[in-house]
Amino acid sequence: MSIELKKRYDHIVYTLKHKIAFLEVEKKLRGHNTIRGYLHDIDKPFLYLALWLDMKDIQTIHRRNNKHHVRNNLKKSKEDLIDTIIDWECARITKLDKPLNAYQTLMKFYPEYKDEFLPIIKELLPHQVPKESKSIKILPNKRELYFFGNKNIYTSTIQVKRDLLDKQR
């Protein structure tokens, strides 16, 4: 198998694991899974199979056409914003390079959307929002994994997270 095909295969496998995490977090936050959840990122495996598309083009196409991505000029409903929050929450379960929770992701990468997202985060994940208006310090080596395996887990190293993911396989 060529390196390019292996890379695409790995992305498909990762996307399916991400979908499982999305459904788990969605069930915790919404109380049930939705059609939206089942269809979340469904385009990505098919895009990875389109061998004529460059990997960067795949990411661009996906982000431009899916309402759960913030910066794409698509009109979004509250349900779309909830999907985004769920996506931010489950990213830290499946992506070692994305350790932030939904509130931290909003404040670090999308502060200009605070008015839209903060009320929903306060409603769904009130424990993440500091009671004081001081800015919070985000430590890159700290992890909070709410809902992972139906347990609250706090871990301070990437290795512990890898061990947990390996046990789930």
Protein backbone atom coordinates (compact mmCIF):
# COMPACT_ATOMS: atom_id res chain seq x y z
CA MET A 1 0.00 0.00 0.00
CA SER A 2 1.41 3.39 -0.95
CA ILE A 3 2.09 5.99 1.71
CA GLU A 4 -0.72 8.18 0.33
CA LEU A 5 -3.27 5.34 0.47
CA LYS A 6 -2.16 4.41 3.98
CA LYS A 7 -2.57 8.03 5.07
CA ARG A 8 -6.08 8.16 3.61
CA TYR A 9 -6.99 4.84 5.24
CA ASP A 10 -5.73 6.16 8.61
CA HIS A 11 -7.87 9.29 8.20
CA ILE A 12 -10.95 7.17 7.48
CA VAL A 13 -10.32 5.02 10.56
CA TYR A 14 -9.74 8.12 12.67
CA THR A 15 -12.95 9.72 11.36
CA LEU A 16 -14.95 6.66 12.37
CA LYS A 17 -13.44 6.75 15.89
CA HIS A 18 -14.25 10.47 16.06
CA LYS A 19 -17.85 9.71 15.07
CA ILE A 20 -18.13 7.22 17.94
CA ALA A 21 -16.81 9.84 20.37
CA PHE A 22 -19.20 12.42 18.90
CA LEU A 23 -22.17 10.10 19.45
CA GLU A 24 -21.08 9.38 23.03
CA VAL A 25 -20.74 13.06 23.90
CA GLU A 26 -23.95 13.92 22.05
CA LYS A 27 -25.86 11.36 24.11
CA LYS A 28 -24.46 12.86 27.33
CA LEU A 29 -25.28 16.45 26.35
CA ARG A 30 -28.56 16.01 24.48
CA GLY A 31 -29.77 12.94 26.33
CA HIS A 32 -30.13 10.99 23.09
CA ASN A 33 -28.48 10.55 19.72
CA THR A 34 -29.88 12.35 16.70
CA ILE A 35 -29.84 11.90 12.95
CA ARG A 36 -27.47 14.88 12.94
CA GLY A 37 -25.09 12.92 15.14
CA TYR A 38 -25.22 9.84 12.96
CA LEU A 39 -24.56 11.99 9.88
CA HIS A 40 -21.76 14.02 11.53
CA ASP A 41 -18.65 14.04 9.29
CA ILE A 42 -20.19 11.38 7.03
CA ASP A 43 -18.73 13.15 3.99
CA LYS A 44 -15.12 12.76 5.12
CA PRO A 45 -14.58 9.03 4.46
CA PHE A 46 -15.99 9.49 0.95
CA LEU A 47 -13.80 12.52 0.34
CA TYR A 48 -10.73 10.52 1.43
CA LEU A 49 -11.67 7.90 -1.17
CA ALA A 50 -11.64 10.57 -3.90
CA LEU A 51 -8.00 9.98 -4.83
CA TRP A 52 -7.91 12.97 -7.18
CA LEU A 53 -8.45 15.33 -4.24
CA ASP A 54 -5.48 16.61 -2.29
CA MET A 55 -5.70 16.13 1.51
CA LYS A 56 -5.79 19.91 2.05
CA ASP A 57 -8.60 20.21 -0.49
CA ILE A 58 -10.58 17.58 1.43
CA GLN A 59 -10.29 19.59 4.64
CA THR A 60 -11.27 22.80 2.83
CA ILE A 61 -14.31 21.18 1.18
CA HIS A 62 -15.46 19.65 4.46
CA ARG A 63 -15.10 22.86 6.49
CA ARG A 64 -16.72 25.01 3.81
CA ASN A 65 -19.80 22.80 3.53
CA ASN A 66 -20.58 21.75 7.11
CA LYS A 67 -22.42 23.99 9.54
CA HIS A 68 -20.61 22.59 12.58
CA HIS A 69 -17.50 24.43 11.41
CA VAL A 70 -17.48 28.02 12.57
CA ARG A 71 -15.83 30.10 9.88
CA ASN A 72 -17.71 29.19 6.72
CA ASN A 73 -20.47 31.82 6.30
CA LEU A 74 -23.27 29.22 6.48
CA LYS A 75 -26.31 30.31 8.44
CA LYS A 76 -26.37 28.29 11.66
CA SER A 77 -29.20 27.24 13.96
CA LYS A 78 -28.86 26.58 17.68
CA GLU A 79 -28.66 22.87 16.83
CA ASP A 80 -25.70 23.59 14.52
CA LEU A 81 -23.96 25.46 17.35
CA ILE A 82 -24.61 22.52 19.70
CA ASP A 83 -23.05 20.22 17.09
CA THR A 84 -19.98 22.47 17.09
CA ILE A 85 -19.75 22.34 20.88
CA ILE A 86 -20.06 18.55 20.83
CA ASP A 87 -17.35 18.42 18.17
CA TRP A 88 -15.06 20.57 20.32
CA GLU A 89 -15.76 18.39 23.36
CA CYS A 90 -15.05 15.08 21.66
CA ALA A 91 -11.96 16.35 19.82
CA ARG A 92 -9.98 16.15 23.05
CA ILE A 93 -10.94 12.51 23.43
CA THR A 94 -9.69 11.48 19.99
CA LYS A 95 -7.07 14.08 19.09
CA LEU A 96 -3.90 14.19 21.18
CA ASP A 97 -3.05 17.62 19.76
CA LYS A 98 -6.41 19.12 20.85
CA PRO A 99 -6.60 18.90 24.66
CA LEU A 100 -8.97 21.82 25.25
CA ASN A 101 -12.58 21.49 26.36
CA ALA A 102 -15.38 23.32 24.54
CA TYR A 103 -15.15 26.50 26.64
CA GLN A 104 -11.36 26.66 26.30
CA THR A 105 -11.59 26.05 22.55
CA LEU A 106 -14.09 28.90 22.19
CA MET A 107 -11.99 31.33 24.21
CA LYS A 108 -8.67 30.43 22.59
CA PHE A 109 -9.61 29.98 18.92
CA TYR A 110 -13.02 31.63 18.42
CA PRO A 111 -13.40 34.47 20.97
CA GLU A 112 -15.22 36.57 18.36
CA TYR A 113 -18.09 34.03 18.56
CA LYS A 114 -18.42 34.23 22.34
CA ASP A 115 -21.87 35.84 22.18
CA GLU A 116 -23.25 32.95 20.15
CA PHE A 117 -21.61 30.01 21.91
CA LEU A 118 -21.15 31.02 25.55
CA PRO A 119 -24.85 30.86 26.53
CA ILE A 120 -25.08 27.34 25.09
CA ILE A 121 -21.87 26.19 26.79
CA LYS A 122 -23.20 27.63 30.08
CA GLU A 123 -26.38 25.62 29.56
CA LEU A 124 -24.79 22.31 28.52
CA LEU A 125 -21.41 22.41 30.28
CA PRO A 126 -21.70 24.92 33.13
CA HIS A 127 -18.78 23.33 35.02
CA GLN A 128 -16.40 24.51 32.27
CA VAL A 129 -17.23 28.21 32.56
CA PRO A 130 -15.30 30.03 35.29
CA LYS A 131 -17.54 31.81 37.77
CA GLU A 132 -15.21 34.80 37.79
CA SER A 133 -14.71 36.91 34.72
CA LYS A 134 -10.91 36.58 34.98
CA SER A 135 -9.24 34.96 32.04
CA ILE A 136 -8.24 31.37 32.63
CA LYS A 137 -4.77 29.98 32.10
CA ILE A 138 -4.78 27.03 29.74
CA LEU A 139 -1.98 24.60 30.52
CA PRO A 140 -1.08 22.54 27.44
CA ASN A 141 -0.06 19.50 29.51
CA LYS A 142 -3.37 19.21 31.38
CA ARG A 143 -6.34 17.20 30.18
CA GLU A 144 -9.92 17.02 31.37
CA LEU A 145 -11.80 14.17 29.75
CA TYR A 146 -15.39 14.41 30.78
CA PHE A 147 -17.58 11.55 29.54
CA PHE A 148 -14.69 9.33 28.41
CA GLY A 149 -15.96 5.80 28.95
CA ASN A 150 -18.85 7.19 31.02
CA LYS A 151 -16.41 8.36 33.72
CA ASN A 152 -14.96 11.69 34.68
CA ILE A 153 -11.27 11.36 34.10
CA TYR A 154 -8.55 13.89 34.79
CA THR A 155 -5.12 13.14 33.45
CA SER A 156 -1.98 15.20 33.29
CA THR A 157 -0.04 13.29 30.65
CA ILE A 158 -0.57 12.31 27.06
CA GLN A 159 0.64 8.78 27.82
CA VAL A 160 -2.26 8.10 30.20
CA LYS A 161 -4.67 9.20 27.47
CA ARG A 162 -2.99 6.89 24.94
CA ASP A 163 -3.25 4.00 27.42
CA LEU A 164 -6.97 4.64 27.81
CA LEU A 165 -7.52 4.74 24.05
CA ASP A 166 -5.55 1.51 23.60
CA LYS A 167 -7.74 -0.25 26.19
CA GLN A 168 -10.86 0.76 24.24
CA ARG A 169 -9.54 -0.89 21.03
